[in-house]
């Protein structure tokens, strides 16, 4: 038999699921809107420190660094941030 406490508990569970579902959909919509804004903005986000969209300023991005092949182990590494591969003749032994 259904008692009042069971009916209230069922209503609370249904309400929690309903509001949880609405919250998840809202978070996903915000994420989609931010992704679309980033695509239109060229990947720069004013909230993350980039220039505003129509400022005309150029924000330099990280520069690419050429990889070099380690003569000892053959792995390709970025020379400025390379660490030793552990071999005794490694030129990147720091």
PDB file of N, CA and C in Angstrom:
ATOM      1  N   UNK A   1       0.836  -1.168   0.000  1.00  0.00           N
ATOM      2  CA  UNK A   1       0.000   0.000   0.000  1.00  0.00           C
ATOM      3  C   UNK A   1       0.895   1.251   0.000  1.00  0.00           C
ATOM      4  N   UNK A   2       0.481   2.265  -0.717  1.00  0.00           N
ATOM      5  CA  UNK A   2       1.263   3.490  -0.805  1.00  0.00           C
ATOM      6  C   UNK A   2       0.928   4.403   0.367  1.00  0.00           C
ATOM      7  N   UNK A   3       1.922   4.705   1.128  1.00  0.00           N
ATOM      8  CA  UNK A   3       1.720   5.628   2.240  1.00  0.00           C
ATOM      9  C   UNK A   3       2.118   7.036   1.800  1.00  0.00           C
ATOM     10  N   UNK A   4       1.789   8.005   2.589  1.00  0.00           N
ATOM     11  CA  UNK A   4       2.105   9.397   2.268  1.00  0.00           C
ATOM     12  C   UNK A   4       3.615   9.613   2.168  1.00  0.00           C
ATOM     13  N   UNK A   5       4.389   8.950   3.022  1.00  0.00           N
ATOM     14  CA  UNK A   5       5.841   9.118   2.991  1.00  0.00           C
ATOM     15  C   UNK A   5       6.439   8.550   1.701  1.00  0.00           C
ATOM     16  N   UNK A   6       5.895   7.442   1.211  1.00  0.00           N
ATOM     17  CA  UNK A   6       6.397   6.876  -0.044  1.00  0.00           C
ATOM     18  C   UNK A   6       6.056   7.787  -1.219  1.00  0.00           C
ATOM     19  N   UNK A   7       4.868   8.363  -1.210  1.00  0.00           N
ATOM     20  CA  UNK A   7       4.472   9.271  -2.287  1.00  0.00           C
ATOM     21  C   UNK A   7       5.344  10.523  -2.279  1.00  0.00           C
ATOM     22  N   UNK A   8       5.633  11.064  -1.106  1.00  0.00           N
ATOM     23  CA  UNK A   8       6.508  12.241  -1.003  1.00  0.00           C
ATOM     24  C   UNK A   8       7.925  11.917  -1.451  1.00  0.00           C
ATOM     25  N   UNK A   9       8.416  10.755  -1.060  1.00  0.00           N
ATOM     26  CA  UNK A   9       9.754  10.350  -1.480  1.00  0.00           C
ATOM     27  C   UNK A   9       9.809  10.192  -2.993  1.00  0.00           C
ATOM     28  N   UNK A  10       8.801   9.576  -3.576  1.00  0.00           N
ATOM     29  CA  UNK A  10       8.748   9.416  -5.026  1.00  0.00           C
ATOM     30  C   UNK A  10       8.712  10.772  -5.722  1.00  0.00           C
ATOM     31  N   UNK A  11       7.939  11.712  -5.190  1.00  0.00           N
ATOM     32  CA  UNK A  11       7.870  13.054  -5.767  1.00  0.00           C
ATOM     33  C   UNK A  11       9.226  13.757  -5.666  1.00  0.00           C
ATOM     34  N   UNK A  12       9.912  13.595  -4.546  1.00  0.00           N
ATOM     35  CA  UNK A  12      11.238  14.198  -4.397  1.00  0.00           C
ATOM     36  C   UNK A  12      12.242  13.609  -5.385  1.00  0.00           C
ATOM     37  N   UNK A  13      12.189  12.300  -5.574  1.00  0.00           N
ATOM     38  CA  UNK A  13      13.111  11.662  -6.521  1.00  0.00           C
ATOM     39  C   UNK A  13      12.827  12.136  -7.935  1.00  0.00           C
ATOM     40  N   UNK A  14      11.565  12.180  -8.311  1.00  0.00           N
ATOM     41  CA  UNK A  14      11.207  12.642  -9.658  1.00  0.00           C
ATOM     42  C   UNK A  14      11.614  14.106  -9.841  1.00  0.00           C
ATOM     43  N   UNK A  15      11.400  14.930  -8.822  1.00  0.00           N
ATOM     44  CA  UNK A  15      11.806  16.333  -8.904  1.00  0.00           C
ATOM     45  C   UNK A  15      13.315  16.486  -9.021  1.00  0.00           C
ATOM     46  N   UNK A  16      14.061  15.690  -8.267  1.00  0.00           N
ATOM     47  CA  UNK A  16      15.528  15.765  -8.334  1.00  0.00           C
ATOM     48  C   UNK A  16      16.028  15.358  -9.714  1.00  0.00           C
ATOM     49  N   UNK A  17      15.438  14.304 -10.279  1.00  0.00           N
ATOM     50  CA  UNK A  17      15.844  13.867 -11.622  1.00  0.00           C
ATOM     51  C   UNK A  17      15.499  14.940 -12.646  1.00  0.00           C
ATOM     52  N   UNK A  18      14.313  15.525 -12.540  1.00  0.00           N
ATOM     53  CA  UNK A  18      13.886  16.562 -13.476  1.00  0.00           C
ATOM     54  C   UNK A  18      14.809  17.776 -13.441  1.00  0.00           C
ATOM     55  N   UNK A  19      15.085  18.282 -12.225  1.00  0.00           N
ATOM     56  CA  UNK A  19      15.944  19.460 -12.118  1.00  0.00           C
ATOM     57  C   UNK A  19      17.390  19.129 -12.477  1.00  0.00           C
ATOM     58  N   UNK A  20      17.831  17.926 -12.188  1.00  0.00           N
ATOM     59  CA  UNK A  20      19.176  17.509 -12.594  1.00  0.00           C
ATOM     60  C   UNK A  20      19.304  17.466 -14.107  1.00  0.00           C
ATOM     61  N   UNK A  21      18.282  16.949 -14.770  1.00  0.00           N
ATOM     62  CA  UNK A  21      18.282  16.883 -16.226  1.00  0.00           C
ATOM     63  C   UNK A  21      18.316  18.286 -16.835  1.00  0.00           C
ATOM     64  N   UNK A  22      17.529  19.201 -16.291  1.00  0.00           N
ATOM     65  CA  UNK A  22      17.523  20.578 -16.774  1.00  0.00           C
ATOM     66  C   UNK A  22      18.887  21.234 -16.563  1.00  0.00           C
ATOM     67  N   UNK A  23      19.513  20.981 -15.429  1.00  0.00           N
ATOM     68  CA  UNK A  23      20.822  21.570 -15.138  1.00  0.00           C
ATOM     69  C   UNK A  23      21.872  21.052 -16.114  1.00  0.00           C
ATOM     70  N   UNK A  24      21.863  19.738 -16.368  1.00  0.00           N
ATOM     71  CA  UNK A  24      22.836  19.155 -17.304  1.00  0.00           C
ATOM     72  C   UNK A  24      22.654  19.755 -18.689  1.00  0.00           C
ATOM     73  N   UNK A  25      21.426  19.873 -19.155  1.00  0.00           N
ATOM     74  CA  UNK A  25      21.179  20.469 -20.474  1.00  0.00           C
ATOM     75  C   UNK A  25      21.631  21.920 -20.532  1.00  0.00           C
ATOM     76  N   UNK A  26      21.430  22.672 -19.459  1.00  0.00           N
ATOM     77  CA  UNK A  26      21.859  24.069 -19.417  1.00  0.00           C
ATOM     78  C   UNK A  26      23.380  24.167 -19.495  1.00  0.00           C
ATOM     79  N   UNK A  27      24.082  23.309 -18.766  1.00  0.00           N
ATOM     80  CA  UNK A  27      25.545  23.315 -18.794  1.00  0.00           C
ATOM     81  C   UNK A  27      26.053  22.966 -20.186  1.00  0.00           C
ATOM     82  N   UNK A  28      25.420  21.998 -20.840  1.00  0.00           N
ATOM     83  CA  UNK A  28      25.830  21.639 -22.190  1.00  0.00           C
ATOM     84  C   UNK A  28      25.583  22.774 -23.179  1.00  0.00           C
ATOM     85  N   UNK A  29      24.459  23.472 -23.045  1.00  0.00           N
ATOM     86  CA  UNK A  29      24.181  24.612 -23.922  1.00  0.00           C
ATOM     87  C   UNK A  29      25.220  25.711 -23.749  1.00  0.00           C
ATOM     88  N   UNK A  30      25.586  25.991 -22.513  1.00  0.00           N
ATOM     89  CA  UNK A  30      26.605  27.013 -22.260  1.00  0.00           C
ATOM     90  C   UNK A  30      27.923  26.590 -22.890  1.00  0.00           C
ATOM     91  N   UNK A  31      28.276  25.310 -22.770  1.00  0.00           N
ATOM     92  CA  UNK A  31      29.504  24.811 -23.380  1.00  0.00           C
ATOM     93  C   UNK A  31      29.476  24.930 -24.891  1.00  0.00           C
ATOM     94  N   UNK A  32      28.324  24.604 -25.498  1.00  0.00           N
ATOM     95  CA  UNK A  32      28.210  24.733 -26.954  1.00  0.00           C
ATOM     96  C   UNK A  32      28.320  26.191 -27.390  1.00  0.00           C
ATOM     97  N   UNK A  33      27.711  27.090 -26.619  1.00  0.00           N
ATOM     98  CA  UNK A  33      27.775  28.515 -26.961  1.00  0.00           C
ATOM     99  C   UNK A  33      29.209  29.023 -26.851  1.00  0.00           C
ATOM    100  N   UNK A  34      29.921  28.601 -25.825  1.00  0.00           N
ATOM    101  CA  UNK A  34      31.319  29.030 -25.681  1.00  0.00           C
ATOM    102  C   UNK A  34      32.176  28.473 -26.799  1.00  0.00           C
ATOM    103  N   UNK A  35      31.931  27.219 -27.189  1.00  0.00           N
ATOM    104  CA  UNK A  35      32.697  26.630 -28.291  1.00  0.00           C
ATOM    105  C   UNK A  35      32.452  27.382 -29.589  1.00  0.00           C
ATOM    106  N   UNK A  36      31.192  27.724 -29.842  1.00  0.00           N
ATOM    107  CA  UNK A  36      30.873  28.469 -31.054  1.00  0.00           C
ATOM    108  C   UNK A  36      31.514  29.852 -31.026  1.00  0.00           C
ATOM    109  N   UNK A  37      31.522  30.492 -29.860  1.00  0.00           N
ATOM    110  CA  UNK A  37      32.145  31.817 -29.756  1.00  0.00           C
ATOM    111  C   UNK A  37      33.647  31.720 -29.979  1.00  0.00           C
ATOM    112  N   UNK A  38      34.254  30.673 -29.477  1.00  0.00           N
ATOM    113  CA  UNK A  38      35.708  30.514 -29.695  1.00  0.00           C
ATOM    114  C   UNK A  38      36.013  30.277 -31.158  1.00  0.00           C
ATOM    115  N   UNK A  39      35.165  29.478 -31.830  1.00  0.00           N
ATOM    116  CA  UNK A  39      35.399  29.231 -33.255  1.00  0.00           C
ATOM    117  C   UNK A  39      35.267  30.526 -34.046  1.00  0.00           C
ATOM    118  N   UNK A  40      34.291  31.357 -33.712  1.00  0.00           N
ATOM    119  CA  UNK A  40      34.108  32.618 -34.414  1.00  0.00           C
ATOM    120  C   UNK A  40      35.193  33.620 -34.060  1.00  0.00           C
ATOM    121  N   UNK A  41      35.745  33.495 -32.867  1.00  0.00           N
ATOM    122  CA  UNK A  41      36.739  34.443 -32.372  1.00  0.00           C
ATOM    123  C   UNK A  41      38.152  34.040 -32.761  1.00  0.00           C
ATOM    124  N   UNK A  42      38.306  32.974 -33.484  1.00  0.00           N
ATOM    125  CA  UNK A  42      39.627  32.538 -33.890  1.00  0.00           C
ATOM    126  C   UNK A  42      40.396  31.862 -32.773  1.00  0.00           C
ATOM    127  N   UNK A  43      39.720  31.295 -31.790  1.00  0.00           N
ATOM    128  CA  UNK A  43      40.392  30.579 -30.720  1.00  0.00           C
ATOM    129  C   UNK A  43      40.800  31.433 -29.551  1.00  0.00           C
ATOM    130  N   UNK A  44      40.639  32.753 -29.652  1.00  0.00           N
ATOM    131  CA  UNK A  44      41.010  33.634 -28.552  1.00  0.00           C
ATOM    132  C   UNK A  44      39.798  33.902 -27.695  1.00  0.00           C
ATOM    133  N   UNK A  45      39.963  33.853 -26.403  1.00  0.00           N
ATOM    134  CA  UNK A  45      38.870  34.074 -25.471  1.00  0.00           C
ATOM    135  C   UNK A  45      39.209  35.281 -24.625  1.00  0.00           C
ATOM    136  N   UNK A  46      38.362  36.313 -24.675  1.00  0.00           N
ATOM    137  CA  UNK A  46      38.627  37.538 -23.927  1.00  0.00           C
ATOM    138  C   UNK A  46      38.664  37.278 -22.429  1.00  0.00           C
ATOM    139  N   UNK A  47      37.892  36.309 -21.958  1.00  0.00           N
ATOM    140  CA  UNK A  47      37.881  36.007 -20.526  1.00  0.00           C
ATOM    141  C   UNK A  47      39.181  35.332 -20.103  1.00  0.00           C
ATOM    142  N   UNK A  48      39.867  34.697 -21.042  1.00  0.00           N
ATOM    143  CA  UNK A  48      41.106  33.997 -20.715  1.00  0.00           C
ATOM    144  C   UNK A  48      42.332  34.856 -20.970  1.00  0.00           C
ATOM    145  N   UNK A  49      42.147  36.131 -21.190  1.00  0.00           N
ATOM    146  CA  UNK A  49      43.296  37.014 -21.336  1.00  0.00           C
ATOM    147  C   UNK A  49      43.578  37.448 -22.750  1.00  0.00           C
ATOM    148  N   UNK A  50      42.818  36.962 -23.730  1.00  0.00           N
ATOM    149  CA  UNK A  50      43.020  37.376 -25.104  1.00  0.00           C
ATOM    150  C   UNK A  50      42.391  38.733 -25.340  1.00  0.00           C
ATOM    151  N   UNK A  51      42.688  39.355 -26.460  1.00  0.00           N
ATOM    152  CA  UNK A  51      42.098  40.660 -26.733  1.00  0.00           C
ATOM    153  C   UNK A  51      40.623  40.515 -27.084  1.00  0.00           C
ATOM    154  N   UNK A  52      39.831  41.562 -26.908  1.00  0.00           N
ATOM    155  CA  UNK A  52      38.432  41.505 -27.310  1.00  0.00           C
ATOM    156  C   UNK A  52      38.312  41.237 -28.798  1.00  0.00           C
ATOM    157  N   UNK A  53      37.162  40.772 -29.211  1.00  0.00           N
ATOM    158  CA  UNK A  53      36.975  40.306 -30.581  1.00  0.00           C
ATOM    159  C   UNK A  53      37.295  41.369 -31.620  1.00  0.00           C
ATOM    160  N   UNK A  54      36.809  42.579 -31.480  1.00  0.00           N
ATOM    161  CA  UNK A  54      36.973  43.615 -32.495  1.00  0.00           C
ATOM    162  C   UNK A  54      38.036  44.642 -32.134  1.00  0.00           C
ATOM    163  N   UNK A  55      39.033  44.254 -31.377  1.00  0.00           N
ATOM    164  CA  UNK A  55      40.028  45.228 -30.940  1.00  0.00           C
ATOM    165  C   UNK A  55      41.053  45.549 -32.020  1.00  0.00           C
ATOM    166  N   UNK A  56      41.234  44.666 -32.982  1.00  0.00           N
ATOM    167  CA  UNK A  56      42.219  44.893 -34.019  1.00  0.00           C
ATOM    168  C   UNK A  56      43.629  44.549 -33.566  1.00  0.00           C
ATOM    169  N   UNK A  57      43.811  44.173 -32.303  1.00  0.00           N
ATOM    170  CA  UNK A  57      45.138  43.825 -31.796  1.00  0.00           C
ATOM    171  C   UNK A  57      45.442  42.373 -32.116  1.00  0.00           C
ATOM    172  N   UNK A  58      46.687  42.089 -32.321  1.00  0.00           N
ATOM    173  CA  UNK A  58      47.119  40.728 -32.604  1.00  0.00           C
ATOM    174  C   UNK A  58      47.710  40.132 -31.339  1.00  0.00           C
ATOM    175  N   UNK A  59      47.177  38.998 -30.928  1.00  0.00           N
ATOM    176  CA  UNK A  59      47.703  38.313 -29.753  1.00  0.00           C
ATOM    177  C   UNK A  59      48.590  37.168 -30.221  1.00  0.00           C
ATOM    178  N   UNK A  60      49.892  37.259 -29.986  1.00  0.00           N
ATOM    179  CA  UNK A  60      50.767  36.183 -30.443  1.00  0.00           C
ATOM    180  C   UNK A  60      50.451  34.890 -29.691  1.00  0.00           C
ATOM    181  N   UNK A  61      50.439  33.816 -30.433  1.00  0.00           N
ATOM    182  CA  UNK A  61      50.204  32.512 -29.838  1.00  0.00           C
ATOM    183  C   UNK A  61      51.550  31.867 -29.544  1.00  0.00           C
ATOM    184  N   UNK A  62      51.522  30.705 -28.969  1.00  0.00           N
ATOM    185  CA  UNK A  62      52.767  29.996 -28.704  1.00  0.00           C
ATOM    186  C   UNK A  62      53.446  29.663 -30.015  1.00  0.00           C
ATOM    187  N   UNK A  63      54.722  29.897 -30.065  1.00  0.00           N
ATOM    188  CA  UNK A  63      55.453  29.616 -31.289  1.00  0.00           C
ATOM    189  C   UNK A  63      55.808  28.147 -31.346  1.00  0.00           C
ATOM    190  N   UNK A  64      55.774  27.603 -32.533  1.00  0.00           N
ATOM    191  CA  UNK A  64      56.136  26.210 -32.732  1.00  0.00           C
ATOM    192  C   UNK A  64      57.656  26.080 -32.674  1.00  0.00           C
ATOM    193  N   UNK A  65      58.107  24.972 -32.199  1.00  0.00           N
ATOM    194  CA  UNK A  65      59.536  24.725 -32.108  1.00  0.00           C
ATOM    195  C   UNK A  65      59.843  23.469 -32.915  1.00  0.00           C
ATOM    196  N   UNK A  66      60.868  23.547 -33.737  1.00  0.00           N
ATOM    197  CA  UNK A  66      61.242  22.394 -34.547  1.00  0.00           C
ATOM    198  C   UNK A  66      61.792  21.285 -33.664  1.00  0.00           C
ATOM    199  N   UNK A  67      61.409  20.073 -33.986  1.00  0.00           N
ATOM    200  CA  UNK A  67      61.890  18.915 -33.253  1.00  0.00           C
ATOM    201  C   UNK A  67      63.205  18.448 -33.875  1.00  0.00           C
ATOM    202  N   UNK A  68      64.068  17.945 -33.046  1.00  0.00           N
ATOM    203  CA  UNK A  68      65.347  17.412 -33.514  1.00  0.00           C
ATOM    204  C   UNK A  68      65.463  15.964 -33.075  1.00  0.00           C
ATOM    205  N   UNK A  69      66.081  15.177 -33.917  1.00  0.00           N
ATOM    206  CA  UNK A  69      66.260  13.770 -33.599  1.00  0.00           C
ATOM    207  C   UNK A  69      67.479  13.600 -32.701  1.00  0.00           C
ATOM    208  N   UNK A  70      67.270  12.940 -31.573  1.00  0.00           N
ATOM    209  CA  UNK A  70      68.378  12.684 -30.658  1.00  0.00           C
ATOM    210  C   UNK A  70      69.335  11.693 -31.323  1.00  0.00           C
ATOM    211  N   UNK A  71      70.624  12.033 -31.424  1.00  0.00           N
ATOM    212  CA  UNK A  71      71.558  11.132 -32.080  1.00  0.00           C
ATOM    213  C   UNK A  71      71.788   9.836 -31.284  1.00  0.00           C
ATOM    214  N   UNK A  72      71.496   9.842 -30.029  1.00  0.00           N
ATOM    215  CA  UNK A  72      71.738   8.671 -29.195  1.00  0.00           C
ATOM    216  C   UNK A  72      70.584   7.677 -29.241  1.00  0.00           C
ATOM    217  N   UNK A  73      69.363   8.152 -28.990  1.00  0.00           N
ATOM    218  CA  UNK A  73      68.236   7.217 -28.889  1.00  0.00           C
ATOM    219  C   UNK A  73      67.295   7.273 -30.085  1.00  0.00           C
ATOM    220  N   UNK A  74      67.365   8.317 -30.911  1.00  0.00           N
ATOM    221  CA  UNK A  74      66.536   8.414 -32.101  1.00  0.00           C
ATOM    222  C   UNK A  74      65.176   9.050 -31.865  1.00  0.00           C
ATOM    223  N   UNK A  75      64.878   9.440 -30.653  1.00  0.00           N
ATOM    224  CA  UNK A  75      63.591  10.071 -30.361  1.00  0.00           C
ATOM    225  C   UNK A  75      63.638  11.532 -30.795  1.00  0.00           C
ATOM    226  N   UNK A  76      62.506  12.044 -31.265  1.00  0.00           N
ATOM    227  CA  UNK A  76      62.416  13.446 -31.638  1.00  0.00           C
ATOM    228  C   UNK A  76      62.045  14.257 -30.408  1.00  0.00           C
ATOM    229  N   UNK A  77      62.831  15.296 -30.136  1.00  0.00           N
ATOM    230  CA  UNK A  77      62.634  16.114 -28.943  1.00  0.00           C
ATOM    231  C   UNK A  77      62.724  17.589 -29.315  1.00  0.00           C
ATOM    232  N   UNK A  78      62.095  18.433 -28.502  1.00  0.00           N
ATOM    233  CA  UNK A  78      62.224  19.872 -28.655  1.00  0.00           C
ATOM    234  C   UNK A  78      63.502  20.278 -27.928  1.00  0.00           C
ATOM    235  N   UNK A  79      64.478  20.868 -28.615  1.00  0.00           N
ATOM    236  CA  UNK A  79      65.791  21.121 -28.009  1.00  0.00           C
ATOM    237  C   UNK A  79      65.752  21.969 -26.739  1.00  0.00           C
ATOM    238  N   UNK A  80      64.870  22.970 -26.669  1.00  0.00           N
ATOM    239  CA  UNK A  80      64.855  23.846 -25.489  1.00  0.00           C
ATOM    240  C   UNK A  80      64.268  23.164 -24.256  1.00  0.00           C
ATOM    241  N   UNK A  81      63.406  22.180 -24.446  1.00  0.00           N
ATOM    242  CA  UNK A  81      62.772  21.550 -23.297  1.00  0.00           C
ATOM    243  C   UNK A  81      63.093  20.063 -23.189  1.00  0.00           C
ATOM    244  N   UNK A  82      64.115  19.610 -23.866  1.00  0.00           N
ATOM    245  CA  UNK A  82      64.453  18.190 -23.857  1.00  0.00           C
ATOM    246  C   UNK A  82      65.114  17.797 -22.541  1.00  0.00           C
ATOM    247  N   UNK A  83      64.864  16.571 -22.151  1.00  0.00           N
ATOM    248  CA  UNK A  83      65.510  16.001 -20.973  1.00  0.00           C
ATOM    249  C   UNK A  83      66.262  14.754 -21.403  1.00  0.00           C
ATOM    250  N   UNK A  84      67.136  14.317 -20.587  1.00  0.00           N
ATOM    251  CA  UNK A  84      67.979  13.172 -20.905  1.00  0.00           C
ATOM    252  C   UNK A  84      67.146  11.908 -21.063  1.00  0.00           C
ATOM    253  N   UNK A  85      67.535  11.095 -22.028  1.00  0.00           N
ATOM    254  CA  UNK A  85      66.856   9.817 -22.232  1.00  0.00           C
ATOM    255  C   UNK A  85      67.430   8.742 -21.309  1.00  0.00           C
ATOM    256  N   UNK A  86      68.468   9.074 -20.588  1.00  0.00           N
ATOM    257  CA  UNK A  86      69.043   8.141 -19.633  1.00  0.00           C
ATOM    258  C   UNK A  86      70.293   7.436 -20.146  1.00  0.00           C
ATOM    259  N   UNK A  87      70.609   7.630 -21.384  1.00  0.00           N
ATOM    260  CA  UNK A  87      71.794   6.997 -21.951  1.00  0.00           C
ATOM    261  C   UNK A  87      73.008   7.897 -21.674  1.00  0.00           C
ATOM    262  N   UNK A  88      74.167   7.306 -21.505  1.00  0.00           N
ATOM    263  CA  UNK A  88      75.329   8.085 -21.105  1.00  0.00           C
ATOM    264  C   UNK A  88      75.759   9.162 -22.109  1.00  0.00           C
ATOM    265  N   UNK A  89      75.567   8.937 -23.395  1.00  0.00           N
ATOM    266  CA  UNK A  89      76.035   9.896 -24.395  1.00  0.00           C
ATOM    267  C   UNK A  89      74.915  10.832 -24.861  1.00  0.00           C
ATOM    268  N   UNK A  90      73.842  10.907 -24.138  1.00  0.00           N
ATOM    269  CA  UNK A  90      72.715  11.758 -24.548  1.00  0.00           C
ATOM    270  C   UNK A  90      73.140  13.225 -24.483  1.00  0.00           C
ATOM    271  N   UNK A  91      72.962  13.978 -25.597  1.00  0.00           N
ATOM    272  CA  UNK A  91      73.373  15.389 -25.607  1.00  0.00           C
ATOM    273  C   UNK A  91      72.438  16.280 -24.784  1.00  0.00           C
ATOM    274  N   UNK A  92      71.309  15.756 -24.373  1.00  0.00           N
ATOM    275  CA  UNK A  92      70.352  16.554 -23.612  1.00  0.00           C
ATOM    276  C   UNK A  92      70.403  16.228 -22.134  1.00  0.00           C
ATOM    277  N   UNK A  93      71.491  15.706 -21.666  1.00  0.00           N
ATOM    278  CA  UNK A  93      71.643  15.332 -20.257  1.00  0.00           C
ATOM    279  C   UNK A  93      71.736  16.559 -19.367  1.00  0.00           C
ATOM    280  N   UNK A  94      70.676  16.853 -18.693  1.00  0.00           N
ATOM    281  CA  UNK A  94      70.653  18.029 -17.802  1.00  0.00           C
ATOM    282  C   UNK A  94      70.458  17.580 -16.390  1.00  0.00           C
TER     283      UNK A  94
END
